[in-house]
Amino acid sequence: MIDHWTLMIVLFSLLLLVTGLVLITRWWHQKDEAARLATYRRV
């Protein structure tokens, strides 16, 4: 386990990156959906 510490750090970093991208994408999609609903309510 100690021999593979660099691989563990890289995999953990990739996991954090993917998690961050998923959260940002979900937040962005919710923001777009709210804006779309707001424009339909105005019409």
Protein backbone atom coordinates (compact mmCIF):
# COMPACT_ATOMS: atom_id res chain seq x y z
CA MET A 1 0.00 0.00 0.00
CA ILE A 2 2.82 2.41 0.84
CA ASP A 3 4.56 1.60 -2.45
CA HIS A 4 1.65 3.01 -4.45
CA TRP A 5 1.20 6.36 -2.67
CA THR A 6 1.66 8.39 -5.87
CA LEU A 7 -1.07 6.43 -7.63
CA MET A 8 -3.38 6.92 -4.66
CA ILE A 9 -2.78 10.69 -4.70
CA VAL A 10 -3.45 10.89 -8.44
CA LEU A 11 -6.64 8.82 -8.19
CA PHE A 12 -7.87 10.86 -5.23
CA SER A 13 -7.20 14.08 -7.16
CA LEU A 14 -9.08 12.77 -10.18
CA LEU A 15 -12.00 11.77 -7.95
CA LEU A 16 -12.11 15.28 -6.48
CA LEU A 17 -11.94 16.81 -9.96
CA VAL A 18 -14.79 14.68 -11.29
CA THR A 19 -16.89 15.38 -8.19
CA GLY A 20 -16.31 19.11 -8.56
CA LEU A 21 -17.24 19.06 -12.23
CA VAL A 22 -20.43 17.11 -11.50
CA LEU A 23 -21.47 19.55 -8.78
CA ILE A 24 -20.75 22.58 -10.97
CA THR A 25 -22.66 21.04 -13.88
CA ARG A 26 -25.69 20.27 -11.71
CA TRP A 27 -25.64 23.80 -10.25
CA TRP A 28 -25.37 25.32 -13.74
CA HIS A 29 -28.23 23.18 -15.03
CA GLN A 30 -30.48 24.20 -12.12
CA LYS A 31 -29.66 27.86 -12.76
CA ASP A 32 -30.54 27.49 -16.46
CA GLU A 33 -33.76 25.66 -15.62
CA ALA A 34 -34.81 28.41 -13.21
CA ALA A 35 -34.11 31.06 -15.85
CA ARG A 36 -36.10 29.11 -18.44
CA LEU A 37 -39.07 28.79 -16.09
CA ALA A 38 -38.89 32.50 -15.28
CA THR A 39 -39.12 33.41 -18.97
CA TYR A 40 -42.15 31.13 -19.44
CA ARG A 41 -43.89 32.75 -16.47
CA ARG A 42 -43.41 36.20 -18.00
CA VAL A 43 -45.03 35.20 -21.27
